[in-house]
Amino acid sequence: MIIKKLALGIAILSGAIVPAHADYADGMSHYERQEYGQALQQFREAAARGDADAQYMLGRLNEAGNGTLQDFVQAHTWYNLAAARGHRHAAEAREALAKRMTDRQIAEAQQAARDWQPQQTASSQDTSSPPAVETLSYRGRVTEIQRELNRLGYDGGPTDGLMGDRTRHAIAQYQADAGIAQDGRASPELLRHLRQADRDDGNTTAPPEREPRPSQVVLQDDFDDGDYQRNPSWTVISGQFEVDQNGLHNLPDTAWTGNSPGDRPDLDRPEAIGLAVLGMILEQRNGGAAREDTLPPQPARIVVDAPSDNAFRMEVEIASLERSGQVALGLFQGDDPDRTGYRLVYAPGSQAPLRLVRRIAGNPVILARHDGQLDLEDDRFHRIEWSRDQHGEMQVSVDERRLLRVQDNGLRDPFQAFVMETQGGDYSLRRIRIEN
């Protein structure tokens, strides 16, 4: 009986917090399964109580029109509210969205954010102290630490009680800023320290304020001017490209025409490029007499300056018109696209149609791969979003569907340029935007 009463008391003490957490976690479960209607409902309940993570996700759903009608005003409002509560990515998303809105829409969204009030519940009106640290389970303590980190502007990740890389990095950042031992642990002492931080009680010194940095566009092109050689200026390294009504397009006569995925040269392998160069040398020595069937096809490659930080966000709209060949998109360091950088490779019809590759000194390593079905050959453009945060976490989504997620800190320096490389196939790049 005593144990049951104690358990009941702990549940009552923590009741003001658990429901919002549960709503958000349930919402993310639905979101990952693309059950957007259910996710929307769960996020709304958590967002009404002031959950910044849920507010951010509502912004994403309204911006994309998933589970609801597309509504930029609603999306901007939720992003604004999440940013005010310290969500690290909300301000960036809000500013990017604002560029697609009218002045009237922005003003309406800002007024809605000013008028918004959190839902008043019995638990939210309770001014009693939060549950004692000693009464919390380990997962409950991690949840509280994530919430406190997010409140202070550190990216603690979803408030789900799971100790992932984002939470560890946020703990380490906070400990470094606060001048305490950097052990990266979700300890009771850390939670006590976080609860006292920035409470205006004069007992402790709060860590420095971490304002989200406004996003900076480093590359944007929709090829509306019909010329890839200006505003910005792209440089063709090999093959041939043109701009038509669908954007930047590789000319098929320089492309790989093999239809079998097994016959396709792999852009992840530097020796394929070396063979192409060797073929060019042989052709020059023989006065152009080298036999075509003995040489590997030369990839079509084009680059453009895109000086960006190690953390970036990339959006491209691309169409694949043939179920053959492959295309690689990526950022690289230095002046050689084959040396050091990241590549996102789409190879239709292969076992792993989407791969994320890291190159260091020309040596490729596959960091993540999508082994499921991915068919972009449907006569329409598809939106690919690729992001990398300051901790090295990368995510890749195709048409709002996240397919790749990986943590990699192999590259820490800034990037200099963007490369598009095709090996056969028929691809059109309608739009690209890179910001950091």
Protein backbone atom coordinates (compact mmCIF):
# COMPACT_ATOMS: atom_id res chain seq x y z
CA MET A 1 0.00 0.00 0.00
CA ILE A 2 2.83 2.39 0.86
CA ILE A 3 4.50 1.71 -2.48
CA LYS A 4 1.24 2.34 -4.34
CA LYS A 5 0.71 5.64 -2.51
CA LEU A 6 4.29 6.69 -3.23
CA ALA A 7 3.87 5.87 -6.92
CA LEU A 8 0.60 7.80 -7.01
CA GLY A 9 2.26 10.81 -5.38
CA ILE A 10 5.07 10.83 -7.92
CA ALA A 11 2.58 10.59 -10.78
CA ILE A 12 0.63 13.56 -9.40
CA LEU A 13 3.78 15.63 -8.97
CA SER A 14 4.91 14.96 -12.52
CA GLY A 15 1.46 15.21 -14.07
CA ALA A 16 1.97 18.78 -15.24
CA ILE A 17 4.76 17.67 -17.52
CA VAL A 18 4.14 14.15 -18.77
CA PRO A 19 1.03 14.80 -20.91
CA ALA A 20 2.79 17.39 -23.13
CA HIS A 21 5.73 15.06 -23.55
CA ALA A 22 3.45 12.20 -24.42
CA ASP A 23 1.57 14.30 -26.99
CA TYR A 24 4.78 15.30 -28.71
CA ALA A 25 6.28 11.80 -28.68
CA ASP A 26 3.04 10.32 -30.02
CA GLY A 27 2.91 13.04 -32.65
CA MET A 28 6.43 12.24 -33.82
CA SER A 29 5.54 8.54 -34.04
CA HIS A 30 2.62 9.38 -36.31
CA TYR A 31 4.74 11.85 -38.29
CA GLU A 32 7.47 9.26 -38.96
CA ARG A 33 4.76 6.91 -40.30
CA GLN A 34 3.41 9.77 -42.46
CA GLU A 35 0.13 9.72 -40.52
CA TYR A 36 -0.06 13.49 -40.70
CA GLY A 37 -3.64 13.91 -39.50
CA GLN A 38 -2.96 12.11 -36.23
CA ALA A 39 0.38 13.87 -35.84
CA LEU A 40 -1.32 17.24 -36.29
CA GLN A 41 -3.76 16.53 -33.47
CA GLN A 42 -1.05 15.40 -31.04
CA PHE A 43 1.19 18.38 -31.84
CA ARG A 44 -1.72 20.79 -31.39
CA GLU A 45 -2.42 19.50 -27.88
CA ALA A 46 1.23 19.81 -26.86
CA ALA A 47 1.70 23.16 -28.62
CA ALA A 48 -1.33 24.59 -26.80
CA ARG A 49 0.57 24.11 -23.55
CA GLY A 50 3.65 25.87 -24.90
CA ASP A 51 5.76 22.92 -26.11
CA ALA A 52 8.30 24.52 -28.49
CA ASP A 53 9.08 21.26 -30.29
CA ALA A 54 5.40 20.68 -31.05
CA GLN A 55 4.99 24.29 -32.20
CA TYR A 56 7.88 23.87 -34.61
CA MET A 57 6.39 20.68 -36.03
CA LEU A 58 3.04 22.41 -36.50
CA GLY A 59 4.91 25.02 -38.52
CA ARG A 60 6.36 22.33 -40.75
CA LEU A 61 3.02 20.58 -41.27
CA ASN A 62 1.23 23.83 -42.14
CA GLU A 63 4.04 24.95 -44.44
CA ALA A 64 4.01 21.67 -46.38
CA GLY A 65 0.24 21.14 -46.25
CA ASN A 66 0.60 17.73 -44.60
CA GLY A 67 -2.53 16.67 -42.74
CA THR A 68 -4.09 20.08 -43.33
CA LEU A 69 -4.44 22.74 -46.01
CA GLN A 70 -1.19 24.57 -46.74
CA ASP A 71 -1.24 27.75 -44.66
CA PHE A 72 1.85 29.98 -44.58
CA VAL A 73 0.29 32.33 -42.01
CA GLN A 74 -0.29 29.47 -39.57
CA ALA A 75 3.18 28.05 -40.26
CA HIS A 76 4.87 31.43 -39.67
CA THR A 77 2.89 31.88 -36.45
CA TRP A 78 3.96 28.52 -35.04
CA TYR A 79 7.59 29.02 -36.09
CA ASN A 80 7.52 32.42 -34.38
CA LEU A 81 6.15 30.97 -31.15
CA ALA A 82 8.68 28.13 -31.18
CA ALA A 83 11.55 30.56 -31.80
CA ALA A 84 10.43 32.71 -28.85
CA ARG A 85 10.72 29.62 -26.66
CA GLY A 86 14.27 28.91 -27.74
CA HIS A 87 13.82 26.32 -30.49
CA ARG A 88 17.12 26.40 -32.37
CA HIS A 89 15.74 25.84 -35.89
CA ALA A 90 12.46 27.72 -35.71
CA ALA A 91 13.82 31.19 -36.44
CA GLU A 92 15.66 29.89 -39.49
CA ALA A 93 12.53 28.17 -40.79
CA ARG A 94 10.46 31.30 -40.13
CA GLU A 95 12.82 33.57 -42.08
CA ALA A 96 13.01 31.15 -44.99
CA LEU A 97 9.22 30.94 -45.14
CA ALA A 98 8.83 34.73 -44.93
CA LYS A 99 10.57 35.06 -48.29
CA ARG A 100 7.65 33.17 -49.85
CA MET A 101 4.97 35.31 -48.15
CA THR A 102 3.43 38.71 -48.82
CA ASP A 103 3.88 41.60 -46.39
CA ARG A 104 0.22 41.30 -45.44
CA GLN A 105 0.57 37.60 -44.63
CA ILE A 106 3.64 38.25 -42.48
CA ALA A 107 1.88 41.02 -40.57
CA GLU A 108 -1.12 38.76 -39.97
CA ALA A 109 1.13 35.95 -38.70
CA GLN A 110 3.04 38.29 -36.38
CA GLN A 111 -0.20 39.60 -34.90
CA ALA A 112 -1.47 36.05 -34.37
CA ALA A 113 1.73 35.18 -32.51
CA ARG A 114 1.38 38.26 -30.29
CA ASP A 115 -2.24 37.36 -29.48
CA TRP A 116 -1.55 33.70 -28.74
CA GLN A 117 -1.84 32.52 -25.15
CA PRO A 118 -0.94 29.07 -23.77
CA GLN A 119 -3.82 26.84 -22.77
CA GLN A 120 -4.74 27.33 -19.13
CA THR A 121 -5.05 24.03 -17.28
CA ALA A 122 -5.09 23.11 -13.65
CA SER A 123 -1.50 21.94 -13.96
CA SER A 124 -0.37 25.12 -15.73
CA GLN A 125 -1.94 27.27 -12.99
CA ASP A 126 -0.14 25.32 -10.30
CA THR A 127 2.66 27.49 -8.92
CA SER A 128 4.16 24.76 -6.78
CA SER A 129 7.73 23.62 -7.27
CA PRO A 130 8.55 21.10 -10.00
CA PRO A 131 8.97 17.50 -8.91
CA ALA A 132 12.03 16.83 -6.81
CA VAL A 133 14.99 15.56 -8.80
CA GLU A 134 15.25 12.50 -6.58
CA THR A 135 11.71 11.37 -7.45
CA LEU A 136 12.33 11.25 -11.21
CA SER A 137 13.18 8.12 -13.12
CA TYR A 138 16.20 8.27 -15.42
CA ARG A 139 14.00 8.87 -18.46
CA GLY A 140 12.01 11.48 -16.60
CA ARG A 141 15.25 13.24 -15.63
CA VAL A 142 16.47 13.20 -19.26
CA THR A 143 13.12 14.63 -20.36
CA GLU A 144 13.43 17.45 -17.84
CA ILE A 145 17.02 18.14 -18.92
CA GLN A 146 15.98 18.28 -22.59
CA ARG A 147 13.20 20.72 -21.75
CA GLU A 148 15.53 22.95 -19.73
CA LEU A 149 18.19 22.89 -22.45
CA ASN A 150 15.66 23.91 -25.08
CA ARG A 151 14.37 26.66 -22.79
CA LEU A 152 17.87 28.09 -22.59
CA GLY A 153 18.40 27.96 -26.35
CA TYR A 154 20.44 24.76 -26.58
CA ASP A 155 19.30 22.14 -29.09
CA GLY A 156 18.45 19.33 -26.69
CA GLY A 157 16.30 17.56 -29.28
CA PRO A 158 12.75 16.29 -28.75
CA THR A 159 11.63 16.12 -25.12
CA ASP A 160 11.21 12.37 -25.28
CA GLY A 161 13.53 11.20 -22.50
CA LEU A 162 15.88 9.45 -24.94
CA MET A 163 19.58 10.21 -24.57
CA GLY A 164 20.65 10.73 -28.19
CA ASP A 165 23.54 12.56 -29.81
CA ARG A 166 21.70 15.90 -29.93
CA THR A 167 21.03 15.79 -26.21
CA ARG A 168 24.64 14.82 -25.43
CA HIS A 169 26.01 17.63 -27.59
CA ALA A 170 23.65 20.14 -25.97
CA ILE A 171 24.70 19.02 -22.48
CA ALA A 172 28.36 19.38 -23.42
CA GLN A 173 27.75 22.84 -24.87
CA TYR A 174 25.87 23.99 -21.80
CA GLN A 175 28.49 22.60 -19.43
CA ALA A 176 31.24 24.37 -21.37
CA ASP A 177 29.37 27.69 -21.34
CA ALA A 178 28.45 27.36 -17.67
CA GLY A 179 32.01 26.46 -16.63
CA ILE A 180 31.11 23.14 -15.01
CA ALA A 181 32.60 19.68 -15.52
CA GLN A 182 32.04 18.56 -19.11
CA ASP A 183 31.06 14.92 -18.61
CA GLY A 184 28.05 14.93 -20.98
CA ARG A 185 25.96 13.03 -18.40
CA ALA A 186 22.29 13.57 -17.59
CA SER A 187 23.00 13.69 -13.88
CA PRO A 188 20.77 14.99 -11.07
CA GLU A 189 23.34 17.74 -10.45
CA LEU A 190 23.04 18.90 -14.05
CA LEU A 191 19.25 19.14 -13.80
CA ARG A 192 19.52 21.18 -10.59
CA HIS A 193 21.98 23.52 -12.30
CA LEU A 194 19.73 23.90 -15.34
CA ARG A 195 16.68 24.67 -13.21
CA GLN A 196 18.52 27.52 -11.51
CA ALA A 197 19.92 28.99 -14.72
CA ASP A 198 18.36 32.23 -15.95
CA ARG A 199 15.67 32.31 -13.25
CA ASP A 200 16.37 35.92 -12.19
CA ASP A 201 16.99 34.89 -8.60
CA GLY A 202 20.57 36.18 -8.50
CA ASN A 203 21.97 32.92 -7.18
CA THR A 204 23.74 31.75 -10.32
CA THR A 205 25.16 33.17 -13.51
CA ALA A 206 23.23 32.14 -16.56
CA PRO A 207 25.11 30.86 -19.56
CA PRO A 208 25.48 33.33 -22.43
CA GLU A 209 22.36 33.96 -24.45
CA ARG A 210 22.35 31.97 -27.68
CA GLU A 211 20.37 33.88 -30.25
CA PRO A 212 19.63 31.93 -33.44
CA ARG A 213 21.74 33.33 -36.25
CA PRO A 214 19.74 34.61 -39.24
CA SER A 215 20.09 32.33 -42.22
CA GLN A 216 22.37 33.45 -45.03
CA VAL A 217 21.75 32.38 -48.60
CA VAL A 218 25.01 31.35 -50.27
CA LEU A 219 23.56 30.00 -53.53
CA GLN A 220 20.20 30.42 -55.20
CA ASP A 221 19.32 29.85 -58.84
CA ASP A 222 16.11 29.00 -60.67
CA PHE A 223 17.59 29.49 -64.16
CA ASP A 224 14.80 31.87 -65.17
CA ASP A 225 17.29 33.97 -67.13
CA GLY A 226 17.96 31.03 -69.46
CA ASP A 227 21.72 31.20 -68.89
CA TYR A 228 23.79 29.18 -66.41
CA GLN A 229 26.89 31.32 -67.04
CA ARG A 230 25.72 34.36 -65.13
CA ASN A 231 23.92 35.28 -61.92
CA PRO A 232 25.44 32.97 -60.68
CA SER A 233 28.13 31.70 -63.02
CA TRP A 234 28.33 27.91 -63.37
CA THR A 235 31.41 26.23 -64.84
CA VAL A 236 31.23 23.08 -66.95
CA ILE A 237 34.11 20.72 -66.17
CA SER A 238 33.06 17.94 -68.50
CA GLY A 239 30.12 16.97 -70.67
CA GLN A 240 27.54 19.43 -71.93
CA PHE A 241 24.71 21.30 -70.21
CA GLU A 242 21.99 23.65 -71.33
CA VAL A 243 19.16 25.64 -69.79
CA ASP A 244 15.68 24.95 -71.15
CA GLN A 245 12.14 25.39 -69.87
CA ASN A 246 12.83 22.79 -67.15
CA GLY A 247 16.01 24.36 -65.81
CA LEU A 248 19.60 23.11 -65.99
CA HIS A 249 19.76 19.98 -68.12
CA ASN A 250 22.55 17.53 -68.99
CA LEU A 251 22.63 16.76 -72.70
CA PRO A 252 22.02 13.05 -73.32
CA ASP A 253 24.61 12.74 -76.10
CA THR A 254 27.42 12.99 -73.53
CA ALA A 255 25.76 10.70 -71.04
CA TRP A 256 26.03 7.06 -70.14
CA THR A 257 23.49 5.06 -72.14
CA GLY A 258 23.73 1.73 -70.37
CA ASN A 259 20.35 0.64 -69.06
CA SER A 260 21.49 -2.04 -66.63
CA PRO A 261 22.31 -0.82 -63.10
CA GLY A 262 25.03 -3.45 -62.98
CA ASP A 263 26.73 -1.89 -66.02
CA ARG A 264 26.63 1.60 -64.56
CA PRO A 265 29.97 3.14 -63.44
CA ASP A 266 29.79 4.13 -59.80
CA LEU A 267 30.35 7.81 -59.04
CA ASP A 268 31.40 6.82 -55.52
CA ARG A 269 34.50 5.14 -56.94
CA PRO A 270 37.39 7.48 -57.80
CA GLU A 271 38.85 4.89 -60.20
CA ALA A 272 35.85 5.44 -62.49
CA ILE A 273 36.87 9.06 -62.92
CA GLY A 274 40.48 8.01 -63.37
CA LEU A 275 39.50 5.67 -66.18
CA ALA A 276 37.63 8.47 -67.89
CA VAL A 277 40.70 10.71 -67.74
CA LEU A 278 42.86 7.85 -69.04
CA GLY A 279 40.47 7.42 -71.93
CA MET A 280 40.82 11.08 -72.84
CA ILE A 281 44.61 10.76 -72.81
CA LEU A 282 44.51 7.68 -75.03
CA GLU A 283 42.17 9.38 -77.44
CA GLN A 284 44.49 12.37 -77.72
CA ARG A 285 47.54 10.15 -78.30
CA ASN A 286 45.73 8.18 -81.01
CA GLY A 287 44.39 11.25 -82.73
CA GLY A 288 40.84 10.44 -81.65
CA ALA A 289 41.12 6.84 -82.80
CA ALA A 290 40.50 5.19 -79.46
CA ARG A 291 37.62 2.72 -79.72
CA GLU A 292 34.44 3.99 -78.06
CA ASP A 293 33.53 0.59 -76.66
CA THR A 294 36.86 0.30 -74.81
CA LEU A 295 36.50 3.59 -72.90
CA PRO A 296 34.28 4.27 -69.91
CA PRO A 297 31.74 7.05 -70.45
CA GLN A 298 32.79 10.48 -69.32
CA PRO A 299 30.56 11.96 -66.60
CA ALA A 300 28.93 15.32 -67.21
CA ARG A 301 29.96 17.66 -64.42
CA ILE A 302 29.21 21.29 -63.60
CA VAL A 303 30.19 23.37 -60.53
CA VAL A 304 29.31 26.73 -59.01
CA ASP A 305 30.72 28.74 -56.10
CA ALA A 306 28.77 28.20 -52.87
CA PRO A 307 30.97 29.30 -49.95
CA SER A 308 29.14 27.94 -46.91
CA ASP A 309 29.75 26.98 -43.32
CA ASN A 310 30.19 23.41 -42.20
CA ALA A 311 26.49 23.46 -41.30
CA PHE A 312 24.11 24.06 -44.18
CA ARG A 313 20.62 23.56 -45.53
CA MET A 314 20.10 22.67 -49.19
CA GLU A 315 16.89 22.50 -51.22
CA VAL A 316 16.81 21.30 -54.81
CA GLU A 317 14.03 20.51 -57.26
CA ILE A 318 15.08 17.83 -59.70
CA ALA A 319 13.46 15.61 -62.31
CA SER A 320 14.69 12.26 -63.59
CA LEU A 321 13.36 11.45 -67.05
CA GLU A 322 15.04 8.07 -67.62
CA ARG A 323 15.40 5.02 -65.42
CA SER A 324 19.12 4.73 -66.09
CA GLY A 325 22.39 6.36 -65.09
CA GLN A 326 22.77 8.29 -61.87
CA VAL A 327 23.17 11.83 -60.58
CA ALA A 328 25.29 13.14 -57.70
CA LEU A 329 24.81 16.47 -55.91
CA GLY A 330 27.16 17.77 -53.26
CA LEU A 331 29.35 20.34 -51.59
CA PHE A 332 33.12 20.12 -51.66
CA GLN A 333 36.13 21.77 -50.07
CA GLY A 334 39.05 23.23 -51.99
CA ASP A 335 39.11 23.42 -55.78
CA ASP A 336 38.74 19.73 -56.66
CA PRO A 337 35.21 18.25 -56.48
CA ASP A 338 36.66 14.72 -56.27
CA ARG A 339 38.86 15.34 -53.24
CA THR A 340 36.93 16.25 -50.09
CA GLY A 341 33.23 16.79 -49.56
CA TYR A 342 29.79 15.18 -49.36
CA ARG A 343 27.80 13.69 -52.23
CA LEU A 344 24.15 12.71 -52.37
CA VAL A 345 23.82 10.06 -55.09
CA TYR A 346 20.57 8.98 -56.74
CA ALA A 347 20.80 5.82 -58.86
CA PRO A 348 17.37 4.72 -60.15
CA GLY A 349 16.80 0.99 -60.27
CA SER A 350 19.69 0.08 -57.99
CA GLN A 351 19.43 -1.80 -54.69
CA ALA A 352 20.25 1.39 -52.78
CA PRO A 353 18.81 4.17 -54.96
CA LEU A 354 19.83 6.94 -52.55
CA ARG A 355 23.22 7.15 -50.87
CA LEU A 356 25.03 9.76 -48.80
CA VAL A 357 28.78 9.64 -49.40
CA ARG A 358 31.74 11.34 -47.73
CA ARG A 359 34.98 11.86 -49.64
CA ILE A 360 38.28 12.60 -47.94
CA ALA A 361 41.35 12.90 -50.18
CA GLY A 362 39.33 11.19 -52.91
CA ASN A 363 38.43 8.14 -50.83
CA PRO A 364 34.64 7.59 -50.67
CA VAL A 365 32.76 6.20 -47.68
CA ILE A 366 29.03 5.51 -47.78
CA LEU A 367 27.60 7.08 -44.61
CA ALA A 368 23.95 6.21 -45.16
CA ARG A 369 21.82 4.47 -47.77
CA HIS A 370 18.15 4.04 -48.51
CA ASP A 371 17.45 0.48 -49.56
CA GLY A 372 13.74 0.92 -50.16
CA GLN A 373 11.96 1.78 -53.35
CA LEU A 374 12.48 5.27 -54.73
CA ASP A 375 11.16 6.07 -58.20
CA LEU A 376 11.45 9.69 -59.33
CA GLU A 377 10.75 8.90 -62.98
CA ASP A 378 7.15 10.14 -63.07
CA ASP A 379 7.45 13.22 -65.30
CA ARG A 380 7.44 15.67 -62.44
CA PHE A 381 9.91 17.51 -60.24
CA HIS A 382 10.76 16.29 -56.78
CA ARG A 383 11.96 18.34 -53.84
CA ILE A 384 15.06 17.13 -52.03
CA GLU A 385 16.00 18.73 -48.71
CA TRP A 386 19.43 18.07 -47.23
CA SER A 387 20.55 19.63 -43.96
CA ARG A 388 23.61 19.39 -41.73
CA ASP A 389 23.72 20.97 -38.29
CA GLN A 390 26.65 22.21 -36.26
CA HIS A 391 26.99 18.80 -34.60
CA GLY A 392 27.35 16.94 -37.89
CA GLU A 393 23.85 15.47 -37.98
CA MET A 394 22.63 15.20 -41.56
CA GLN A 395 19.11 14.53 -42.75
CA VAL A 396 17.84 14.01 -46.29
CA SER A 397 14.18 14.17 -47.26
CA VAL A 398 12.53 13.59 -50.61
CA ASP A 399 9.11 15.21 -51.01
CA GLU A 400 8.84 15.73 -47.22
CA ARG A 401 9.68 12.07 -46.57
CA ARG A 402 12.85 11.65 -44.54
CA LEU A 403 14.93 8.86 -46.02
CA LEU A 404 18.41 9.37 -44.57
CA ARG A 405 19.70 10.44 -41.18
CA VAL A 406 23.28 10.09 -40.02
CA GLN A 407 25.82 11.70 -37.70
CA ASP A 408 29.23 12.42 -39.19
CA ASN A 409 31.99 14.74 -38.04
CA GLY A 410 34.55 13.66 -40.62
CA LEU A 411 34.50 17.09 -42.28
CA ARG A 412 34.80 20.18 -40.10
CA ASP A 413 35.98 22.92 -42.48
CA PRO A 414 33.76 25.19 -44.61
CA PHE A 415 32.73 24.26 -48.15
CA GLN A 416 33.66 26.23 -51.24
CA ALA A 417 31.44 25.02 -54.08
CA PHE A 418 28.54 22.88 -55.26
CA VAL A 419 28.84 20.14 -57.88
CA MET A 420 26.27 18.35 -60.02
CA GLU A 421 27.51 15.24 -61.80
CA THR A 422 25.56 12.91 -64.06
CA GLN A 423 26.58 9.53 -65.41
CA GLY A 424 24.01 8.81 -68.06
CA GLY A 425 20.33 9.31 -67.53
CA ASP A 426 18.39 12.48 -68.26
CA TYR A 427 18.19 14.95 -65.37
CA SER A 428 16.90 18.51 -64.98
CA LEU A 429 17.69 20.80 -62.05
CA ARG A 430 14.92 23.40 -61.81
CA ARG A 431 15.90 25.14 -58.61
CA ILE A 432 18.64 25.13 -55.98
CA ARG A 433 18.99 27.04 -52.73
CA ILE A 434 21.77 26.65 -50.16
CA GLU A 435 21.90 28.58 -46.91
CA ASN A 436 23.67 28.43 -43.59
